[in-house]
Amino acid sequence: MTDYTPDKFIVVKLTASEPHPTNHYRVFACWYGGYAGSDSWKLNSGITEVTRDGDLLHFKGTSGSVYTCHVETYGTSGYGYNVLQNLIEQQAKQGVTIEVLSEDTDFLGLNYD
């Protein structure tokens, strides 16, 4: 199991229409590279559970990884935004819709089954 603490994050809903309509939620996480590094991103394996501890949301993924995200850091970096737009366009060609959920979403109340 790996723990991640991104600098920025959003939750996306993937909807595939074929063969049966299904919804799938994932964390899209971004990190700033700093002076000598480069920015990076990860799309988790799929959310299975969310817990909250104060201002921290803990997203458990199907791989067992946990993304610990501060509620104040909802959003993407400029680099992450461009990557996400490319993912949205690529997946649309495959019949998969990617929707960015609002930061006001009740992540604890979503059905992750």
N, C-alpha and C. Protein backbone atom coordinates (compact mmCIF):
# COMPACT_ATOMS: atom_id res chain seq x y z
N MET A 1 0.84 -1.18 0.00
CA MET A 1 0.00 0.00 0.00
C MET A 1 0.89 1.24 0.00
N THR A 2 0.51 2.21 -0.82
CA THR A 2 1.27 3.45 -0.92
C THR A 2 0.38 4.61 -0.50
N ASP A 3 0.96 5.55 0.23
CA ASP A 3 0.24 6.76 0.62
C ASP A 3 0.75 7.93 -0.20
N TYR A 4 -0.17 8.74 -0.69
CA TYR A 4 0.17 9.92 -1.47
C TYR A 4 -0.47 11.14 -0.83
N THR A 5 0.24 12.27 -0.88
CA THR A 5 -0.29 13.54 -0.41
C THR A 5 -0.04 14.57 -1.51
N PRO A 6 -1.00 14.74 -2.41
CA PRO A 6 -0.79 15.66 -3.53
C PRO A 6 -0.86 17.13 -3.11
N ASP A 7 -0.24 17.97 -3.93
CA ASP A 7 -0.33 19.41 -3.73
C ASP A 7 -1.70 19.94 -4.13
N LYS A 8 -2.28 19.33 -5.16
CA LYS A 8 -3.62 19.69 -5.67
C LYS A 8 -4.32 18.40 -6.04
N PHE A 9 -5.66 18.41 -6.00
CA PHE A 9 -6.40 17.21 -6.40
C PHE A 9 -7.80 17.59 -6.86
N ILE A 10 -8.36 16.73 -7.68
CA ILE A 10 -9.77 16.80 -8.02
C ILE A 10 -10.30 15.37 -8.08
N VAL A 11 -11.60 15.23 -8.04
CA VAL A 11 -12.22 13.92 -8.20
C VAL A 11 -12.96 13.96 -9.53
N VAL A 12 -12.75 12.92 -10.33
CA VAL A 12 -13.42 12.82 -11.62
C VAL A 12 -14.33 11.61 -11.63
N LYS A 13 -15.40 11.73 -12.41
CA LYS A 13 -16.35 10.64 -12.60
C LYS A 13 -16.21 10.17 -14.04
N LEU A 14 -15.86 8.90 -14.21
CA LEU A 14 -15.75 8.31 -15.53
C LEU A 14 -17.02 7.52 -15.80
N THR A 15 -17.62 7.75 -16.95
CA THR A 15 -18.83 7.04 -17.33
C THR A 15 -18.60 6.37 -18.67
N ALA A 16 -18.72 5.07 -18.68
CA ALA A 16 -18.60 4.30 -19.91
C ALA A 16 -20.00 3.88 -20.33
N SER A 17 -20.31 4.01 -21.60
CA SER A 17 -21.65 3.68 -22.07
C SER A 17 -21.78 2.25 -22.56
N GLU A 18 -20.70 1.64 -22.94
CA GLU A 18 -20.75 0.28 -23.50
C GLU A 18 -19.93 -0.67 -22.64
N PRO A 19 -20.26 -1.89 -22.46
CA PRO A 19 -21.51 -2.49 -22.92
C PRO A 19 -22.71 -2.11 -22.05
N HIS A 20 -22.47 -1.70 -20.79
CA HIS A 20 -23.54 -1.23 -19.91
C HIS A 20 -23.07 0.06 -19.26
N PRO A 21 -23.95 1.03 -19.12
CA PRO A 21 -23.54 2.29 -18.47
C PRO A 21 -23.00 2.04 -17.06
N THR A 22 -21.79 2.52 -16.80
CA THR A 22 -21.19 2.38 -15.48
C THR A 22 -20.50 3.67 -15.08
N ASN A 23 -20.49 3.95 -13.79
CA ASN A 23 -19.78 5.11 -13.25
C ASN A 23 -18.61 4.63 -12.42
N HIS A 24 -17.55 5.39 -12.47
CA HIS A 24 -16.32 5.04 -11.77
C HIS A 24 -15.69 6.35 -11.32
N TYR A 25 -15.29 6.46 -10.06
CA TYR A 25 -14.71 7.69 -9.52
C TYR A 25 -13.21 7.50 -9.27
N ARG A 26 -12.44 8.53 -9.60
CA ARG A 26 -10.99 8.49 -9.39
C ARG A 26 -10.48 9.84 -8.90
N VAL A 27 -9.35 9.78 -8.21
CA VAL A 27 -8.64 11.00 -7.79
C VAL A 27 -7.62 11.33 -8.87
N PHE A 28 -7.66 12.57 -9.34
CA PHE A 28 -6.63 13.09 -10.25
C PHE A 28 -5.77 14.01 -9.39
N ALA A 29 -4.54 13.61 -9.14
CA ALA A 29 -3.66 14.31 -8.20
C ALA A 29 -2.50 14.98 -8.94
N CYS A 30 -2.09 16.15 -8.44
CA CYS A 30 -0.98 16.91 -9.03
C CYS A 30 0.03 17.31 -7.95
N TRP A 31 1.28 17.31 -8.36
CA TRP A 31 2.37 17.77 -7.50
C TRP A 31 3.19 18.81 -8.26
N TYR A 32 3.62 19.84 -7.56
CA TYR A 32 4.51 20.84 -8.14
C TYR A 32 5.94 20.32 -8.07
N GLY A 33 6.70 20.56 -9.12
CA GLY A 33 8.05 20.04 -9.17
C GLY A 33 9.08 20.88 -8.44
N GLY A 34 8.78 22.14 -8.25
CA GLY A 34 9.74 23.01 -7.58
C GLY A 34 10.82 23.49 -8.54
N TYR A 35 11.86 24.06 -7.98
CA TYR A 35 12.91 24.71 -8.76
C TYR A 35 13.60 23.75 -9.74
N ALA A 36 14.03 22.62 -9.28
CA ALA A 36 14.83 21.72 -10.12
C ALA A 36 14.02 20.54 -10.68
N GLY A 37 12.77 20.40 -10.27
CA GLY A 37 11.99 19.26 -10.71
C GLY A 37 10.91 19.65 -11.70
N SER A 38 10.14 18.68 -12.11
CA SER A 38 9.03 18.97 -12.99
C SER A 38 7.73 18.55 -12.32
N ASP A 39 6.66 19.24 -12.72
CA ASP A 39 5.35 18.90 -12.18
C ASP A 39 4.99 17.48 -12.57
N SER A 40 4.14 16.85 -11.76
CA SER A 40 3.73 15.48 -12.06
C SER A 40 2.26 15.30 -11.70
N TRP A 41 1.70 14.19 -12.14
CA TRP A 41 0.30 13.88 -11.87
C TRP A 41 0.12 12.37 -11.77
N LYS A 42 -0.98 11.97 -11.17
CA LYS A 42 -1.37 10.56 -11.08
C LYS A 42 -2.89 10.50 -11.10
N LEU A 43 -3.40 9.45 -11.69
CA LEU A 43 -4.82 9.14 -11.65
C LEU A 43 -4.93 7.84 -10.87
N ASN A 44 -5.63 7.89 -9.73
CA ASN A 44 -5.64 6.69 -8.89
C ASN A 44 -6.41 5.54 -9.56
N SER A 45 -6.34 4.38 -8.95
CA SER A 45 -6.90 3.16 -9.52
C SER A 45 -8.43 3.10 -9.46
N GLY A 46 -9.02 3.98 -8.71
CA GLY A 46 -10.47 3.99 -8.53
C GLY A 46 -10.79 4.06 -7.06
N ILE A 47 -11.66 4.94 -6.68
CA ILE A 47 -11.98 5.14 -5.26
C ILE A 47 -12.89 4.03 -4.77
N THR A 48 -12.55 3.46 -3.62
CA THR A 48 -13.40 2.44 -3.00
C THR A 48 -14.03 2.94 -1.71
N GLU A 49 -13.38 3.93 -1.08
CA GLU A 49 -13.85 4.43 0.22
C GLU A 49 -13.26 5.80 0.48
N VAL A 50 -14.03 6.65 1.17
CA VAL A 50 -13.54 7.98 1.56
C VAL A 50 -13.84 8.18 3.03
N THR A 51 -12.84 8.66 3.76
CA THR A 51 -13.04 9.05 5.15
C THR A 51 -12.54 10.49 5.31
N ARG A 52 -13.00 11.13 6.37
CA ARG A 52 -12.59 12.52 6.61
C ARG A 52 -12.08 12.64 8.03
N ASP A 53 -10.99 13.41 8.16
CA ASP A 53 -10.40 13.71 9.46
C ASP A 53 -10.14 15.21 9.47
N GLY A 54 -11.09 15.98 9.98
CA GLY A 54 -10.96 17.43 9.96
C GLY A 54 -11.00 17.94 8.53
N ASP A 55 -9.93 18.63 8.10
CA ASP A 55 -9.85 19.16 6.75
C ASP A 55 -9.17 18.20 5.77
N LEU A 56 -8.92 16.97 6.20
CA LEU A 56 -8.27 15.99 5.34
C LEU A 56 -9.26 14.94 4.86
N LEU A 57 -9.23 14.67 3.56
CA LEU A 57 -10.01 13.59 2.98
C LEU A 57 -9.05 12.47 2.64
N HIS A 58 -9.40 11.24 3.00
CA HIS A 58 -8.57 10.07 2.72
C HIS A 58 -9.32 9.21 1.70
N PHE A 59 -8.79 9.14 0.47
CA PHE A 59 -9.39 8.37 -0.60
C PHE A 59 -8.64 7.06 -0.74
N LYS A 60 -9.32 5.96 -0.44
CA LYS A 60 -8.71 4.64 -0.59
C LYS A 60 -9.01 4.14 -2.00
N GLY A 61 -7.98 3.60 -2.67
CA GLY A 61 -8.14 3.12 -4.03
C GLY A 61 -8.21 1.61 -4.12
N THR A 62 -8.61 1.11 -5.29
CA THR A 62 -8.73 -0.33 -5.49
C THR A 62 -7.39 -1.04 -5.34
N SER A 63 -6.29 -0.34 -5.57
CA SER A 63 -4.96 -0.95 -5.43
C SER A 63 -4.49 -0.98 -3.98
N GLY A 64 -5.25 -0.32 -3.08
CA GLY A 64 -4.85 -0.23 -1.69
C GLY A 64 -4.17 1.08 -1.33
N SER A 65 -3.83 1.88 -2.34
CA SER A 65 -3.21 3.17 -2.08
C SER A 65 -4.20 4.12 -1.42
N VAL A 66 -3.66 5.07 -0.65
CA VAL A 66 -4.49 6.07 -0.01
C VAL A 66 -3.97 7.45 -0.42
N TYR A 67 -4.87 8.29 -0.91
CA TYR A 67 -4.55 9.67 -1.24
C TYR A 67 -5.12 10.54 -0.13
N THR A 68 -4.25 11.22 0.60
CA THR A 68 -4.66 12.12 1.67
C THR A 68 -4.62 13.54 1.11
N CYS A 69 -5.80 14.16 1.05
CA CYS A 69 -5.94 15.45 0.37
C CYS A 69 -6.58 16.48 1.29
N HIS A 70 -5.99 17.65 1.36
CA HIS A 70 -6.55 18.74 2.16
C HIS A 70 -7.66 19.40 1.35
N VAL A 71 -8.82 19.63 1.97
CA VAL A 71 -9.97 20.17 1.25
C VAL A 71 -9.68 21.52 0.61
N GLU A 72 -8.74 22.27 1.16
CA GLU A 72 -8.41 23.60 0.61
C GLU A 72 -7.59 23.52 -0.68
N THR A 73 -7.11 22.33 -1.05
CA THR A 73 -6.26 22.21 -2.23
C THR A 73 -7.00 21.62 -3.43
N TYR A 74 -8.34 21.68 -3.40
CA TYR A 74 -9.12 21.13 -4.51
C TYR A 74 -8.88 21.98 -5.76
N GLY A 75 -8.49 21.34 -6.83
CA GLY A 75 -8.19 22.00 -8.10
C GLY A 75 -6.98 21.33 -8.73
N THR A 76 -6.51 21.89 -9.83
CA THR A 76 -5.34 21.34 -10.51
C THR A 76 -4.30 22.43 -10.72
N SER A 77 -3.11 21.99 -11.02
CA SER A 77 -2.06 22.92 -11.44
C SER A 77 -2.31 23.22 -12.93
N GLY A 78 -1.60 24.19 -13.47
CA GLY A 78 -1.71 24.48 -14.91
C GLY A 78 -1.32 23.27 -15.75
N TYR A 79 -0.25 22.62 -15.36
CA TYR A 79 0.20 21.41 -16.05
C TYR A 79 -0.86 20.32 -15.94
N GLY A 80 -1.38 20.11 -14.74
CA GLY A 80 -2.40 19.09 -14.52
C GLY A 80 -3.65 19.36 -15.33
N TYR A 81 -4.03 20.62 -15.44
CA TYR A 81 -5.21 20.98 -16.23
C TYR A 81 -5.04 20.55 -17.68
N ASN A 82 -3.87 20.82 -18.25
CA ASN A 82 -3.60 20.43 -19.64
C ASN A 82 -3.61 18.92 -19.82
N VAL A 83 -3.02 18.20 -18.89
CA VAL A 83 -3.03 16.74 -18.94
C VAL A 83 -4.46 16.23 -18.88
N LEU A 84 -5.25 16.77 -17.96
CA LEU A 84 -6.63 16.34 -17.80
C LEU A 84 -7.44 16.60 -19.07
N GLN A 85 -7.26 17.76 -19.68
CA GLN A 85 -8.00 18.06 -20.91
C GLN A 85 -7.66 17.05 -22.00
N ASN A 86 -6.39 16.66 -22.10
CA ASN A 86 -6.00 15.64 -23.08
C ASN A 86 -6.64 14.29 -22.76
N LEU A 87 -6.67 13.93 -21.48
CA LEU A 87 -7.32 12.67 -21.08
C LEU A 87 -8.80 12.68 -21.44
N ILE A 88 -9.47 13.79 -21.18
CA ILE A 88 -10.90 13.92 -21.49
C ILE A 88 -11.13 13.72 -22.99
N GLU A 89 -10.31 14.36 -23.80
CA GLU A 89 -10.45 14.23 -25.27
C GLU A 89 -10.17 12.81 -25.74
N GLN A 90 -9.10 12.20 -25.23
CA GLN A 90 -8.75 10.83 -25.63
C GLN A 90 -9.82 9.83 -25.24
N GLN A 91 -10.33 9.95 -24.01
CA GLN A 91 -11.33 9.00 -23.54
C GLN A 91 -12.67 9.18 -24.25
N ALA A 92 -13.00 10.40 -24.64
CA ALA A 92 -14.24 10.64 -25.38
C ALA A 92 -14.24 9.86 -26.68
N LYS A 93 -13.09 9.74 -27.32
CA LYS A 93 -12.97 8.96 -28.56
C LYS A 93 -13.22 7.47 -28.32
N GLN A 94 -13.04 7.03 -27.07
CA GLN A 94 -13.24 5.63 -26.71
C GLN A 94 -14.63 5.39 -26.10
N GLY A 95 -15.47 6.43 -26.07
CA GLY A 95 -16.81 6.29 -25.51
C GLY A 95 -16.89 6.45 -24.00
N VAL A 96 -15.84 7.04 -23.41
CA VAL A 96 -15.82 7.26 -21.96
C VAL A 96 -15.87 8.76 -21.70
N THR A 97 -16.82 9.16 -20.86
CA THR A 97 -16.95 10.57 -20.48
C THR A 97 -16.26 10.78 -19.15
N ILE A 98 -15.46 11.84 -19.06
CA ILE A 98 -14.81 12.21 -17.79
C ILE A 98 -15.39 13.54 -17.35
N GLU A 99 -15.99 13.54 -16.16
CA GLU A 99 -16.60 14.74 -15.60
C GLU A 99 -15.85 15.13 -14.33
N VAL A 100 -15.46 16.39 -14.23
CA VAL A 100 -14.81 16.90 -13.02
C VAL A 100 -15.90 17.26 -12.02
N LEU A 101 -15.83 16.66 -10.84
CA LEU A 101 -16.83 16.94 -9.80
C LEU A 101 -16.50 18.25 -9.10
N SER A 102 -17.53 18.94 -8.68
CA SER A 102 -17.39 20.21 -7.98
C SER A 102 -16.74 19.99 -6.61
N GLU A 103 -16.03 20.99 -6.15
CA GLU A 103 -15.42 20.89 -4.82
C GLU A 103 -16.48 20.84 -3.72
N ASP A 104 -17.72 21.20 -4.03
CA ASP A 104 -18.81 21.14 -3.06
C ASP A 104 -19.46 19.75 -2.99
N THR A 105 -18.97 18.81 -3.79
CA THR A 105 -19.52 17.46 -3.79
C THR A 105 -19.35 16.80 -2.43
N ASP A 106 -20.36 16.07 -2.00
CA ASP A 106 -20.28 15.30 -0.76
C ASP A 106 -19.58 13.97 -1.09
N PHE A 107 -18.26 13.96 -1.02
CA PHE A 107 -17.49 12.78 -1.41
C PHE A 107 -17.76 11.59 -0.49
N LEU A 108 -18.16 11.87 0.75
CA LEU A 108 -18.47 10.78 1.68
C LEU A 108 -19.80 10.11 1.32
N GLY A 109 -20.66 10.83 0.61
CA GLY A 109 -21.99 10.32 0.29
C GLY A 109 -22.11 9.64 -1.07
N LEU A 110 -21.04 9.61 -1.86
CA LEU A 110 -21.12 8.97 -3.18
C LEU A 110 -21.07 7.45 -3.05
N ASN A 111 -21.66 6.78 -4.02
CA ASN A 111 -21.64 5.31 -4.04
C ASN A 111 -20.44 4.85 -4.87
N TYR A 112 -19.47 4.24 -4.23
CA TYR A 112 -18.24 3.82 -4.90
C TYR A 112 -18.24 2.34 -5.27
N ASP A 113 -19.39 1.67 -5.15
CA ASP A 113 -19.45 0.24 -5.51
C ASP A 113 -19.31 0.03 -6.99
